[in-house]
Amino acid sequence: TYSCITCPNGTVAKTNRMGCECPAGHTQYQYATQGNTALSGILSLELGCTNCTLANKAPSRDKSICMDCDGTTATLDGNLGDCACTNTSGLYYLIEKDNTGYLAAKQCIECPYPVKDRYTCEAPASANCGTGVYCNIDNELSACMNSTTCDRLKAIRNRRVYSQITSLYYLEHFYSVLTKCQGIRDEQACQHLANLCVASLYTTSSEVPACEVFIETHEELMKSTTNQVNQFGITGWVAGFPFLYFDASVTETTYVNSEAITAPVIVPTRLRFILATFSLNGTFLGYEELSNQLVLCDSDELHTTDWLSFGVNYNHYCQLNLYHFFQRADPKDRFYELFYVNATNTLYPVAVKMINGDTNTQIVMSQKTLFRRFFTIESEVFAHETDDSKRTITYASSMVMSINLRGSDAMSPPLLTITYRRQTANNILQPDSAYTSYSNMTQFPIYEAIQSPTVSFTAAYTTNHW
C-alpha cells in the first residue's frame, strides 16, 4: 500500500509522485558517505540541496554540480532553473559534456531537426536511415552540426566494428551507446553501457565488448584533471560516471578489514540497506529500501526479511521458473547498487563478489575482484541471439550476505557474494526427447531441474574478537 507525505525542507514531489527531489535550479546529494549527513535524502526524508541560480549558474543534468551558461549561445533562464538557448528557433539544443567530462560552461549547438527537448537532437523516425547495423548511429551522426563533436563521434564509430557480436540487443543498441558515452559523455548512455558490461558478468571479449569500452572510458576520465575523481575517498569513483568496481588494490580481505573503506559502526537492532535501481537502458529508477528483492521466488516478506534483525541467520531455497523469463514479451531487467545504512545514517557502498557457477571460478575483470553493480536475472541482452543455440538467461543461483561483527560495537562492511549460472533456450524451450518420452519418464526430473533450478539466498553472521 502507498501513503502520502509532505516533501520536507523545500523539496518537491518527483513527476511520478514516488519520492521527493530538489527543485529546478538546484543540485542535490545523491551518494552520501562518511561524514555526509545528507544520507537521509537518499531515503526521501531530507535532501541536501544547493541553489545554483543564486550564483547565476545552472545545475548539471544529474544535479551533481553547478555550471555556468556560456553567455553567448546559452543564458540562464530563471523560470527553468537552467540554461536556455539564445536562438529560439527550436533547432538548437544544450550540451554540457565532451569526451573529457564536463565543459567549462553549458552551450548550444544546432540540430538539423526540431529538437525533442532542450538536451536532445534526434533524427525523426521518418528520416531516411537506410539499412544495416549502423542505422541508428548514422542518424545521430547526420544530426550533429558541431564539427569538433562530429569528427570525434565519427572517429569512434569508424574504429569500432565488432564482427563477432551475436546478441540482437547488442546489434541494435551498442554502437549508439558507445558513441554517446565516449563521444559526448551522455549520462544515460554511460549507464546503459555499464549495464551491458554487468549483463555479460564483467566479461571482456569481442562478442560482448561493453566492458572493454567501459574500462577504456573510465581510464580516460581518471587521467583528466577536469573530472572529480576518487569521490568520497574511494579510488576510481568518478563523479557523474557509473561506479562499477573497486580498484584492483581492494581485495576481499582489505575490503573487510580496511578502515579506509569503513569506520567502526554502532550495531543496530535492525539492519538497513538501500538499493539504487537502474533499468537496462540506463534510466535511474530511484532508491528503494531492501526487503525481499534478493529472494527470487516464493517471497513472503513477513519471513524473508527476518535476517535484517541483527544476528538472525537465514536460508531460503526455492525453484525459479526460467521458462517464464524466456516467454516474457516485455522483460524488465533491473540492475542494482547496494548500500548499507548504519545507525548514524552513514551510507557505505557494499562490495559484490561474483562466482561463475558454471565453471566454479571467481569472476575477475582486469584484476578487479570486487564489484558494485549486479543483477538477479538477465533475460534481455542475451535471450535474443542470431544463433538460437546461444540464447541464454543468466540468473543468480546463490546469493550470500556475509556480516561480520567486530567486538561489541563495530562491524565489518557487509559483503554480498553472488554465484551466477546460465541456461540456454535450447534446454528450456526444446528439451531433449529423452527427458520427455514415455519410456524415459524416470529422467523427467532432470529436465525439471533445468527448467526450474533451485536458487537460494543466505544471510550469515559471524563474530571476530578484536
Protein backbone atom coordinates (compact mmCIF):
# COMPACT_ATOMS: atom_id res chain seq x y z
CA THR A 1 0.00 0.00 0.00
CA TYR A 2 1.06 3.60 -0.54
CA SER A 3 0.79 6.62 1.69
CA CYS A 4 1.45 10.30 1.08
CA ILE A 5 3.89 12.53 2.95
CA THR A 6 4.82 16.19 2.62
CA CYS A 7 8.19 16.75 0.98
CA PRO A 8 10.38 18.43 3.63
CA ASN A 9 12.82 21.32 3.61
CA GLY A 10 11.68 22.97 0.40
CA THR A 11 11.94 19.85 -1.75
CA VAL A 12 9.23 18.96 -4.25
CA ALA A 13 7.50 15.79 -5.36
CA LYS A 14 9.01 13.91 -8.29
CA THR A 15 6.99 13.82 -11.51
CA ASN A 16 5.92 10.24 -10.80
CA ARG A 17 5.00 11.17 -7.19
CA MET A 18 7.21 8.35 -5.87
CA GLY A 19 9.57 10.48 -3.82
CA CYS A 20 10.99 13.94 -3.26
CA GLU A 21 13.75 15.83 -5.04
CA CYS A 22 15.37 19.23 -5.05
CA PRO A 23 13.52 21.79 -7.17
CA ALA A 24 14.68 23.10 -10.54
CA GLY A 25 17.84 25.17 -10.38
CA HIS A 26 19.32 23.12 -7.50
CA THR A 27 21.92 20.41 -7.16
CA GLN A 28 21.33 17.59 -4.68
CA TYR A 29 23.34 14.98 -2.85
CA GLN A 30 22.84 11.60 -4.49
CA TYR A 31 25.51 9.50 -2.82
CA ALA A 32 26.16 10.18 0.84
CA THR A 33 29.06 8.51 2.61
CA GLN A 34 31.19 9.01 5.70
CA GLY A 35 30.58 12.33 7.36
CA ASN A 36 27.81 13.37 4.97
CA THR A 37 24.56 13.83 6.83
CA ALA A 38 22.62 14.26 3.58
CA LEU A 39 22.20 10.49 3.51
CA SER A 40 18.59 10.84 4.53
CA GLY A 41 17.93 12.49 1.17
CA ILE A 42 18.52 9.12 -0.41
CA LEU A 43 15.77 7.86 1.85
CA SER A 44 13.50 10.66 0.54
CA LEU A 45 13.28 12.12 4.05
CA GLU A 46 15.71 15.02 3.71
CA LEU A 47 17.74 16.21 0.74
CA GLY A 48 20.85 18.34 0.66
CA CYS A 49 20.13 20.99 -1.99
CA THR A 50 22.19 23.89 -3.35
CA ASN A 51 20.54 26.70 -5.30
CA CYS A 52 22.80 27.24 -8.32
CA THR A 53 20.78 30.19 -9.63
CA LEU A 54 21.86 32.35 -6.68
CA ALA A 55 25.32 32.31 -8.25
CA ASN A 56 23.89 32.77 -11.78
CA LYS A 57 24.59 29.13 -12.55
CA ALA A 58 22.52 26.09 -13.53
CA PRO A 59 22.67 22.51 -12.24
CA SER A 60 24.07 19.73 -14.40
CA ARG A 61 21.50 17.25 -15.67
CA ASP A 62 22.42 14.75 -12.95
CA LYS A 63 22.23 17.56 -10.35
CA SER A 64 25.78 16.86 -9.18
CA ILE A 65 27.42 20.27 -9.87
CA CYS A 66 26.55 23.89 -10.67
CA MET A 67 27.61 25.07 -14.15
CA ASP A 68 27.90 28.38 -15.98
CA CYS A 69 25.97 29.14 -19.16
CA ASP A 70 28.40 30.33 -21.85
CA GLY A 71 26.55 33.68 -22.14
CA THR A 72 26.64 33.63 -25.94
CA THR A 73 24.71 30.62 -27.17
CA ALA A 74 23.06 29.94 -23.80
CA THR A 75 21.94 32.14 -20.91
CA LEU A 76 20.38 31.40 -17.53
CA ASP A 77 16.58 31.15 -17.53
CA GLY A 78 15.29 31.76 -14.01
CA ASN A 79 11.93 30.14 -14.72
CA LEU A 80 13.56 26.92 -15.95
CA GLY A 81 16.32 26.98 -13.37
CA ASP A 82 18.62 26.03 -16.24
CA CYS A 83 20.42 27.44 -19.24
CA ALA A 84 18.33 28.14 -22.33
CA CYS A 85 19.44 28.58 -25.92
CA THR A 86 19.52 32.20 -27.10
CA ASN A 87 18.39 31.01 -30.55
CA THR A 88 14.71 30.18 -30.07
CA SER A 89 14.08 28.63 -33.49
CA GLY A 90 13.68 25.19 -31.92
CA LEU A 91 16.73 23.91 -33.82
CA TYR A 92 19.33 24.34 -31.05
CA TYR A 93 19.99 22.13 -28.04
CA LEU A 94 22.17 22.24 -24.93
CA ILE A 95 25.33 20.22 -24.31
CA GLU A 96 27.29 20.14 -21.05
CA LYS A 97 29.89 17.39 -21.59
CA ASP A 98 32.51 16.34 -24.12
CA ASN A 99 34.88 13.38 -24.23
CA THR A 100 36.87 14.64 -21.22
CA GLY A 101 33.89 15.29 -18.94
CA TYR A 102 32.01 18.48 -18.07
CA LEU A 103 32.52 21.56 -20.26
CA ALA A 104 33.57 24.86 -18.70
CA ALA A 105 30.04 26.07 -19.43
CA LYS A 106 26.84 24.79 -21.00
CA GLN A 107 26.46 25.78 -24.64
CA CYS A 108 24.02 25.30 -27.51
CA ILE A 109 24.70 23.72 -30.89
CA GLU A 110 22.49 23.40 -33.93
CA CYS A 111 20.30 20.42 -34.81
CA PRO A 112 19.01 19.92 -38.38
CA TYR A 113 15.67 18.73 -36.97
CA PRO A 114 13.27 20.25 -34.43
CA VAL A 115 14.73 19.31 -31.05
CA LYS A 116 13.00 16.66 -28.95
CA ASP A 117 13.72 18.61 -25.77
CA ARG A 118 16.32 21.18 -24.80
CA TYR A 119 19.05 18.49 -24.46
CA THR A 120 18.13 16.09 -27.28
CA CYS A 121 18.78 16.23 -31.02
CA GLU A 122 17.43 13.18 -32.85
CA ALA A 123 16.58 12.37 -36.40
CA PRO A 124 12.82 11.69 -36.63
CA ALA A 125 11.56 8.21 -37.42
CA SER A 126 10.62 9.42 -40.89
CA ALA A 127 14.23 10.29 -41.74
CA ASN A 128 15.88 8.23 -44.48
CA CYS A 129 18.01 5.84 -42.48
CA GLY A 130 18.74 3.03 -44.89
CA THR A 131 19.53 -0.43 -43.59
CA GLY A 132 22.21 -2.13 -41.54
CA VAL A 133 23.65 -2.32 -38.06
CA TYR A 134 24.64 1.34 -38.02
CA CYS A 135 21.20 2.73 -38.88
CA ASN A 136 20.58 4.47 -35.56
CA ILE A 137 24.10 5.75 -35.15
CA ASP A 138 24.21 7.16 -38.69
CA ASN A 139 21.08 9.18 -37.95
CA GLU A 140 22.72 10.65 -34.89
CA LEU A 141 25.88 11.49 -36.82
CA SER A 142 23.93 13.20 -39.59
CA ALA A 143 22.12 15.23 -36.94
CA CYS A 144 25.37 16.54 -35.48
CA MET A 145 26.30 20.01 -36.68
CA ASN A 146 29.23 20.86 -34.39
CA SER A 147 32.28 19.93 -36.45
CA THR A 148 34.55 19.11 -33.48
CA THR A 149 31.96 16.84 -31.93
CA CYS A 150 31.12 15.25 -35.29
CA ASP A 151 34.73 14.42 -36.03
CA ARG A 152 35.09 12.79 -32.62
CA LEU A 153 31.88 10.79 -32.98
CA LYS A 154 32.80 9.61 -36.47
CA ALA A 155 36.27 8.59 -35.29
CA ILE A 156 34.77 6.50 -32.51
CA ARG A 157 32.18 4.99 -34.82
CA ASN A 158 34.64 4.15 -37.58
CA ARG A 159 37.24 2.44 -35.40
CA ARG A 160 34.69 0.28 -33.60
CA VAL A 161 33.44 -2.64 -35.66
CA TYR A 162 32.85 -5.85 -33.71
CA SER A 163 32.06 -8.54 -36.25
CA GLN A 164 31.64 -11.26 -33.61
CA ILE A 165 28.64 -9.72 -31.84
CA THR A 166 25.67 -12.12 -32.00
CA SER A 167 23.25 -10.60 -29.49
CA LEU A 168 20.40 -8.87 -31.32
CA TYR A 169 20.09 -6.43 -28.43
CA TYR A 170 23.78 -5.53 -28.81
CA LEU A 171 23.42 -5.05 -32.56
CA GLU A 172 20.51 -2.69 -32.03
CA HIS A 173 21.93 -0.58 -29.19
CA PHE A 174 25.66 -0.97 -28.65
CA TYR A 175 27.10 1.34 -31.32
CA SER A 176 24.76 4.16 -30.38
CA VAL A 177 25.54 3.73 -26.67
CA LEU A 178 29.29 3.59 -27.34
CA THR A 179 29.26 6.79 -29.39
CA LYS A 180 27.11 8.79 -27.00
CA CYS A 181 29.06 7.73 -23.92
CA GLN A 182 32.60 8.02 -25.27
CA GLY A 183 31.90 10.96 -27.57
CA ILE A 184 29.75 13.34 -25.53
CA ARG A 185 29.59 11.65 -22.10
CA ASP A 186 25.83 11.27 -22.27
CA GLU A 187 24.87 10.17 -18.76
CA GLN A 188 22.15 7.68 -19.65
CA ALA A 189 24.26 6.18 -22.44
CA CYS A 190 27.13 5.62 -19.99
CA GLN A 191 24.73 3.96 -17.55
CA HIS A 192 23.43 1.81 -20.42
CA LEU A 193 26.99 0.86 -21.35
CA ALA A 194 27.65 -0.02 -17.70
CA ASN A 195 24.63 -2.32 -17.61
CA LEU A 196 25.71 -4.09 -20.79
CA CYS A 197 29.04 -4.76 -19.09
CA VAL A 198 27.34 -6.10 -15.96
CA ALA A 199 24.95 -8.24 -18.02
CA SER A 200 27.99 -10.00 -19.51
CA LEU A 201 29.27 -10.74 -15.98
CA TYR A 202 32.10 -8.26 -16.50
CA THR A 203 33.47 -10.19 -19.46
CA THR A 204 35.90 -8.54 -21.89
CA SER A 205 35.61 -10.14 -25.33
CA SER A 206 34.86 -9.24 -28.94
CA GLU A 207 31.41 -10.83 -28.65
CA VAL A 208 30.48 -8.69 -25.64
CA PRO A 209 32.72 -5.59 -25.85
CA ALA A 210 30.89 -3.30 -23.42
CA CYS A 211 33.34 -3.86 -20.55
CA GLU A 212 36.33 -3.18 -22.79
CA VAL A 213 34.82 0.15 -23.82
CA PHE A 214 33.75 0.98 -20.27
CA ILE A 215 37.25 0.37 -18.86
CA GLU A 216 38.79 2.47 -21.63
CA THR A 217 36.36 5.33 -20.95
CA HIS A 218 36.87 5.13 -17.19
CA GLU A 219 40.65 5.24 -17.57
CA GLU A 220 40.38 8.34 -19.77
CA LEU A 221 38.27 10.07 -17.14
CA MET A 222 40.69 9.14 -14.35
CA LYS A 223 43.54 10.80 -16.27
CA SER A 224 41.62 14.03 -16.90
CA THR A 225 42.21 16.85 -14.43
CA THR A 226 38.76 18.32 -15.18
CA ASN A 227 36.92 15.42 -13.51
CA GLN A 228 36.21 14.85 -9.84
CA VAL A 229 37.93 11.51 -9.23
CA ASN A 230 38.20 9.31 -6.15
CA GLN A 231 34.86 10.50 -4.83
CA PHE A 232 34.28 10.09 -1.07
CA GLY A 233 37.86 8.83 -0.71
CA ILE A 234 37.21 5.74 -2.84
CA THR A 235 39.82 5.15 -5.54
CA GLY A 236 38.31 5.04 -9.02
CA TRP A 237 34.93 6.61 -8.26
CA VAL A 238 34.50 9.37 -10.89
CA ALA A 239 31.76 11.97 -10.41
CA GLY A 240 28.95 11.65 -12.93
CA PHE A 241 30.14 8.25 -14.20
CA PRO A 242 28.98 4.77 -13.14
CA PHE A 243 30.96 3.23 -10.28
CA LEU A 244 31.04 -0.44 -11.31
CA TYR A 245 34.03 -1.86 -9.47
CA PHE A 246 36.54 -1.24 -6.71
CA ASP A 247 40.17 -0.60 -7.58
CA ALA A 248 42.32 -3.69 -8.15
CA SER A 249 44.14 -2.95 -4.87
CA VAL A 250 40.90 -3.60 -2.95
CA THR A 251 40.68 -7.33 -2.31
CA GLU A 252 38.11 -9.17 -0.25
CA THR A 253 40.46 -9.08 2.74
CA THR A 254 41.29 -5.38 2.51
CA TYR A 255 37.63 -4.51 1.93
CA VAL A 256 36.50 -6.35 5.04
CA ASN A 257 39.37 -5.12 7.23
CA SER A 258 40.48 -1.71 5.95
CA GLU A 259 39.42 1.35 7.92
CA ALA A 260 39.90 3.39 4.74
CA ILE A 261 36.70 1.84 3.45
CA THR A 262 34.66 1.72 6.60
CA ALA A 263 34.87 3.01 10.16
CA PRO A 264 33.52 1.21 13.23
CA VAL A 265 29.75 1.46 13.40
CA ILE A 266 27.16 1.17 16.13
CA VAL A 267 25.46 -2.20 15.86
CA PRO A 268 21.75 -1.60 15.26
CA THR A 269 18.95 -3.92 16.26
CA ARG A 270 17.67 -3.88 12.67
CA LEU A 271 19.95 -3.55 9.64
CA ARG A 272 19.01 -1.25 6.79
CA PHE A 273 20.14 -1.40 3.17
CA ILE A 274 19.31 0.84 0.22
CA LEU A 275 19.22 -0.26 -3.42
CA ALA A 276 19.94 2.19 -6.24
CA THR A 277 17.98 0.77 -9.16
CA PHE A 278 18.51 1.13 -12.92
CA SER A 279 16.68 -0.20 -15.95
CA LEU A 280 18.75 -1.86 -18.66
CA ASN A 281 18.71 1.25 -20.87
CA GLY A 282 20.43 3.27 -18.15
CA THR A 283 17.42 5.04 -16.69
CA PHE A 284 17.86 5.66 -12.97
CA LEU A 285 14.67 4.40 -11.31
CA GLY A 286 15.39 5.69 -7.83
CA TYR A 287 16.34 4.40 -4.41
CA GLU A 288 14.40 1.76 -2.52
CA GLU A 289 14.68 0.04 0.83
CA LEU A 290 15.98 -3.52 0.61
CA SER A 291 13.35 -6.00 1.72
CA ASN A 292 12.90 -9.20 -0.29
CA GLN A 293 14.39 -8.13 -3.65
CA LEU A 294 17.18 -10.70 -3.32
CA VAL A 295 14.72 -13.57 -2.87
CA LEU A 296 13.81 -14.61 -6.42
CA CYS A 297 10.75 -16.80 -5.83
CA ASP A 298 8.21 -17.76 -3.19
CA SER A 299 8.88 -14.46 -1.49
CA ASP A 300 6.98 -13.87 1.74
CA GLU A 301 8.20 -10.54 3.06
CA LEU A 302 6.98 -11.42 6.54
CA HIS A 303 9.77 -14.01 6.82
CA THR A 304 12.27 -13.21 4.07
CA THR A 305 13.33 -10.04 5.88
CA ASP A 306 13.95 -11.77 9.22
CA TRP A 307 17.70 -11.66 8.58
CA LEU A 308 17.65 -7.87 8.80
CA SER A 309 17.25 -8.32 12.55
CA PHE A 310 20.87 -8.29 13.62
CA GLY A 311 22.31 -11.74 14.29
CA VAL A 312 19.49 -13.72 12.68
CA ASN A 313 20.95 -16.21 10.21
CA TYR A 314 18.67 -17.03 7.32
CA ASN A 315 18.41 -19.54 4.46
CA HIS A 316 15.81 -19.53 1.71
CA TYR A 317 15.54 -22.06 -1.13
CA CYS A 318 13.01 -22.16 -3.96
CA GLN A 319 12.58 -23.21 -7.59
CA LEU A 320 12.94 -20.46 -10.19
CA ASN A 321 10.86 -20.97 -13.36
CA LEU A 322 13.25 -19.97 -16.17
CA TYR A 323 10.70 -20.88 -18.84
CA HIS A 324 8.67 -17.89 -17.72
CA PHE A 325 11.53 -15.49 -18.40
CA PHE A 326 12.13 -16.75 -21.93
CA GLN A 327 8.43 -16.21 -22.68
CA ARG A 328 8.10 -12.67 -21.36
CA ALA A 329 7.04 -10.25 -24.10
CA ASP A 330 8.30 -7.22 -22.20
CA PRO A 331 11.21 -8.14 -19.92
CA LYS A 332 12.13 -5.50 -17.38
CA ASP A 333 15.52 -6.47 -16.03
CA ARG A 334 16.81 -4.41 -13.13
CA PHE A 335 20.37 -3.57 -12.16
CA TYR A 336 21.29 -2.68 -8.59
CA GLU A 337 23.89 -0.99 -6.43
CA LEU A 338 23.65 -1.84 -2.73
CA PHE A 339 24.37 0.48 0.20
CA TYR A 340 24.44 -0.27 3.92
CA VAL A 341 22.97 2.35 6.29
CA ASN A 342 24.45 2.42 9.78
CA ALA A 343 22.91 3.74 12.98
CA THR A 344 24.37 7.22 12.43
CA ASN A 345 22.89 7.48 8.93
CA THR A 346 26.19 6.88 7.16
CA LEU A 347 25.92 5.13 3.81
CA TYR A 348 28.52 2.57 2.72
CA PRO A 349 28.80 1.11 -0.80
CA VAL A 350 28.56 -2.67 -0.41
CA ALA A 351 31.05 -4.75 -2.43
CA VAL A 352 29.89 -7.69 -4.51
CA LYS A 353 31.98 -10.79 -5.10
CA MET A 354 30.91 -12.81 -8.14
CA ILE A 355 31.33 -16.51 -8.90
CA ASN A 356 30.78 -18.20 -12.25
CA GLY A 357 28.82 -21.23 -11.11
CA ASP A 358 29.18 -22.98 -14.46
CA THR A 359 32.99 -23.10 -14.14
CA ASN A 360 33.23 -22.69 -10.35
CA THR A 361 35.67 -19.79 -10.71
CA GLN A 362 35.66 -16.26 -9.30
CA ILE A 363 34.79 -13.57 -11.83
CA VAL A 364 37.71 -11.16 -12.34
CA MET A 365 37.90 -8.22 -14.75
CA SER A 366 41.25 -6.55 -15.41
CA GLN A 367 42.47 -7.61 -11.95
CA LYS A 368 39.32 -6.22 -10.31
CA THR A 369 37.79 -8.76 -7.93
CA LEU A 370 35.08 -6.77 -6.13
CA PHE A 371 32.23 -5.11 -7.97
CA ARG A 372 29.39 -2.71 -7.24
CA ARG A 373 26.57 -3.21 -9.73
CA PHE A 374 24.79 -6.52 -10.10
CA PHE A 375 21.54 -8.12 -11.26
CA THR A 376 19.48 -11.07 -10.12
CA ILE A 377 18.13 -12.16 -13.54
CA GLU A 378 19.30 -11.07 -17.01
CA SER A 379 16.79 -12.01 -19.69
CA GLU A 380 17.04 -9.20 -22.25
CA VAL A 381 20.56 -8.85 -23.64
CA PHE A 382 21.39 -12.46 -24.48
CA ALA A 383 17.93 -14.07 -24.60
CA HIS A 384 17.62 -12.95 -28.23
CA GLU A 385 20.51 -14.03 -30.41
CA THR A 386 21.08 -14.56 -34.10
CA ASP A 387 22.04 -18.13 -33.18
CA ASP A 388 19.33 -19.95 -31.19
CA SER A 389 21.91 -22.17 -29.54
CA LYS A 390 23.40 -19.07 -27.86
CA ARG A 391 20.16 -17.70 -26.44
CA THR A 392 20.73 -17.64 -22.70
CA ILE A 393 19.32 -16.42 -19.43
CA THR A 394 21.72 -15.63 -16.59
CA TYR A 395 20.43 -15.90 -13.05
CA ALA A 396 21.74 -15.70 -9.51
CA SER A 397 21.66 -19.30 -8.32
CA SER A 398 23.05 -18.36 -4.92
CA MET A 399 23.35 -15.09 -3.00
CA VAL A 400 25.11 -14.91 0.37
CA MET A 401 25.16 -11.80 2.54
CA SER A 402 28.13 -12.04 4.93
CA ILE A 403 28.12 -9.81 8.01
CA ASN A 404 30.98 -9.92 10.50
CA LEU A 405 30.74 -8.43 13.98
CA ARG A 406 33.91 -6.74 15.28
CA GLY A 407 33.95 -6.88 19.04
CA SER A 408 30.90 -5.43 20.77
CA ASP A 409 30.32 -2.16 18.95
CA ALA A 410 31.58 -2.46 15.40
CA MET A 411 31.08 -4.50 12.27
CA SER A 412 32.90 -5.06 9.00
CA PRO A 413 31.22 -3.79 5.87
CA PRO A 414 28.78 -6.40 4.55
CA LEU A 415 29.88 -8.48 1.55
CA LEU A 416 27.41 -9.89 -0.98
CA THR A 417 28.64 -12.99 -2.83
CA ILE A 418 26.63 -13.99 -5.91
CA THR A 419 27.02 -17.23 -7.85
CA TYR A 420 25.67 -16.90 -11.39
CA ARG A 421 24.62 -19.63 -13.80
CA ARG A 422 23.46 -19.55 -17.39
CA GLN A 423 20.88 -21.71 -19.15
CA THR A 424 20.16 -21.92 -22.87
CA ALA A 425 16.85 -21.65 -24.64
CA ASN A 426 17.50 -24.99 -26.30
CA ASN A 427 17.49 -26.71 -22.92
CA ILE A 428 14.47 -24.87 -21.57
CA LEU A 429 12.17 -24.45 -24.55
CA GLN A 430 13.14 -27.53 -26.57
CA PRO A 431 14.15 -30.24 -24.11
CA ASP A 432 15.82 -33.37 -25.35
CA SER A 433 13.22 -36.00 -26.18
CA ALA A 434 15.00 -38.34 -23.77
CA TYR A 435 13.63 -36.24 -20.93
CA THR A 436 10.02 -36.28 -22.06
CA SER A 437 9.45 -39.60 -23.81
CA TYR A 438 7.17 -42.09 -22.11
CA SER A 439 9.92 -44.71 -21.81
CA ASN A 440 12.23 -42.27 -20.07
CA MET A 441 9.89 -40.61 -17.60
CA THR A 442 12.35 -41.53 -14.87
CA GLN A 443 14.62 -38.87 -16.37
CA PHE A 444 11.96 -36.17 -16.36
CA PRO A 445 13.21 -34.73 -13.04
CA ILE A 446 16.48 -33.92 -14.83
CA TYR A 447 14.65 -31.65 -17.27
CA GLU A 448 12.51 -30.22 -14.47
CA ALA A 449 15.67 -29.24 -12.60
CA ILE A 450 16.96 -27.47 -15.73
CA GLN A 451 13.73 -25.59 -16.36
CA SER A 452 13.17 -24.69 -12.70
CA PRO A 453 16.52 -24.80 -10.89
CA THR A 454 16.88 -24.34 -7.15
CA VAL A 455 18.08 -20.87 -6.14
CA SER A 456 18.96 -19.62 -2.68
CA PHE A 457 19.51 -16.56 -0.53
CA THR A 458 21.54 -16.80 2.70
CA ALA A 459 22.39 -14.28 5.40
CA ALA A 460 25.35 -15.38 7.54
CA TYR A 461 26.51 -13.57 10.68
CA THR A 462 29.97 -14.28 12.10
CA THR A 463 31.97 -12.87 15.02
CA ASN A 464 35.62 -11.86 15.39
CA HIS A 465 37.12 -10.71 18.68
CA TRP A 466 39.28 -7.69 18.00
